[in-house]
Amino acid sequence: MQLPIVLGLVALVLAVAALLVVLEDRRAAKRAATQRKARLARLGEVDPLAANRLHVDR
């Protein structure tokens, strides 16, 4: 009877850990993008990846 409870708790802990890793990865990616933009702005350059985000209105 205790085995399913323990397995359920282990699964819950693993799910929470995976969620935290994903959220931290997204935060780190956003921070890196902000730092890249700031570095390019200091150099007077345009973000080379900005063209990929531009869309023409039709």
C-alpha atoms as a PDB file:
ATOM      1  CA  MET A   1       0.000   0.000   0.000  1.00  0.00           C
ATOM      2  CA  GLN A   2       2.860   2.400   0.709  1.00  0.00           C
ATOM      3  CA  LEU A   3       4.705   1.607  -2.518  1.00  0.00           C
ATOM      4  CA  PRO A   4       2.197   3.417  -4.816  1.00  0.00           C
ATOM      5  CA  ILE A   5       2.274   6.445  -2.526  1.00  0.00           C
ATOM      6  CA  VAL A   6       6.081   6.557  -2.590  1.00  0.00           C
ATOM      7  CA  LEU A   7       6.173   6.075  -6.358  1.00  0.00           C
ATOM      8  CA  GLY A   8       3.580   8.811  -6.777  1.00  0.00           C
ATOM      9  CA  LEU A   9       5.621  11.213  -4.656  1.00  0.00           C
ATOM     10  CA  VAL A  10       8.786  10.384  -6.592  1.00  0.00           C
ATOM     11  CA  ALA A  11       6.963  11.024  -9.866  1.00  0.00           C
ATOM     12  CA  LEU A  12       5.636  14.325  -8.506  1.00  0.00           C
ATOM     13  CA  VAL A  13       9.118  15.437  -7.443  1.00  0.00           C
ATOM     14  CA  LEU A  14      10.530  14.533 -10.870  1.00  0.00           C
ATOM     15  CA  ALA A  15       7.741  16.435 -12.630  1.00  0.00           C
ATOM     16  CA  VAL A  16       8.339  19.539 -10.517  1.00  0.00           C
ATOM     17  CA  ALA A  17      12.097  19.297 -11.116  1.00  0.00           C
ATOM     18  CA  ALA A  18      11.568  19.025 -14.879  1.00  0.00           C
ATOM     19  CA  LEU A  19       9.258  22.048 -14.817  1.00  0.00           C
ATOM     20  CA  LEU A  20      11.828  24.091 -12.907  1.00  0.00           C
ATOM     21  CA  VAL A  21      14.554  23.142 -15.397  1.00  0.00           C
ATOM     22  CA  VAL A  22      12.388  24.195 -18.355  1.00  0.00           C
ATOM     23  CA  LEU A  23      11.464  27.503 -16.737  1.00  0.00           C
ATOM     24  CA  GLU A  24      15.076  28.265 -15.814  1.00  0.00           C
ATOM     25  CA  ASP A  25      16.191  27.428 -19.359  1.00  0.00           C
ATOM     26  CA  ARG A  26      13.647  29.844 -20.807  1.00  0.00           C
ATOM     27  CA  ARG A  27      14.743  32.545 -18.377  1.00  0.00           C
ATOM     28  CA  ALA A  28      18.396  32.012 -19.287  1.00  0.00           C
ATOM     29  CA  ALA A  29      17.585  32.193 -23.012  1.00  0.00           C
ATOM     30  CA  LYS A  30      15.689  35.440 -22.511  1.00  0.00           C
ATOM     31  CA  ARG A  31      18.580  36.879 -20.482  1.00  0.00           C
ATOM     32  CA  ALA A  32      21.072  35.871 -23.190  1.00  0.00           C
ATOM     33  CA  ALA A  33      18.936  37.509 -25.870  1.00  0.00           C
ATOM     34  CA  THR A  34      18.721  40.712 -23.851  1.00  0.00           C
ATOM     35  CA  GLN A  35      22.478  40.728 -23.323  1.00  0.00           C
ATOM     36  CA  ARG A  36      23.056  40.110 -27.040  1.00  0.00           C
ATOM     37  CA  LYS A  37      20.787  43.020 -27.959  1.00  0.00           C
ATOM     38  CA  ALA A  38      22.532  45.298 -25.465  1.00  0.00           C
ATOM     39  CA  ARG A  39      25.965  44.285 -26.761  1.00  0.00           C
ATOM     40  CA  LEU A  40      24.915  44.925 -30.363  1.00  0.00           C
ATOM     41  CA  ALA A  41      23.356  48.258 -29.407  1.00  0.00           C
ATOM     42  CA  ARG A  42      26.618  49.348 -27.778  1.00  0.00           C
ATOM     43  CA  LEU A  43      28.421  48.520 -31.015  1.00  0.00           C
ATOM     44  CA  GLY A  44      25.794  50.339 -33.074  1.00  0.00           C
ATOM     45  CA  GLU A  45      24.831  47.151 -34.853  1.00  0.00           C
ATOM     46  CA  VAL A  46      21.399  45.824 -35.757  1.00  0.00           C
ATOM     47  CA  ASP A  47      20.324  42.463 -34.396  1.00  0.00           C
ATOM     48  CA  PRO A  48      21.096  39.981 -37.213  1.00  0.00           C
ATOM     49  CA  LEU A  49      18.245  37.744 -36.071  1.00  0.00           C
ATOM     50  CA  ALA A  50      15.672  40.555 -36.158  1.00  0.00           C
ATOM     51  CA  ALA A  51      14.930  39.952 -39.847  1.00  0.00           C
ATOM     52  CA  ASN A  52      13.597  36.496 -38.988  1.00  0.00           C
ATOM     53  CA  ARG A  53      10.988  38.055 -36.711  1.00  0.00           C
ATOM     54  CA  LEU A  54       9.750  40.621 -39.224  1.00  0.00           C
ATOM     55  CA  HIS A  55       6.633  39.791 -41.202  1.00  0.00           C
ATOM     56  CA  VAL A  56       5.077  41.675 -44.095  1.00  0.00           C
ATOM     57  CA  ASP A  57       1.445  42.671 -43.662  1.00  0.00           C
ATOM     58  CA  ARG A  58      -0.615  41.469 -46.581  1.00  0.00           C
END
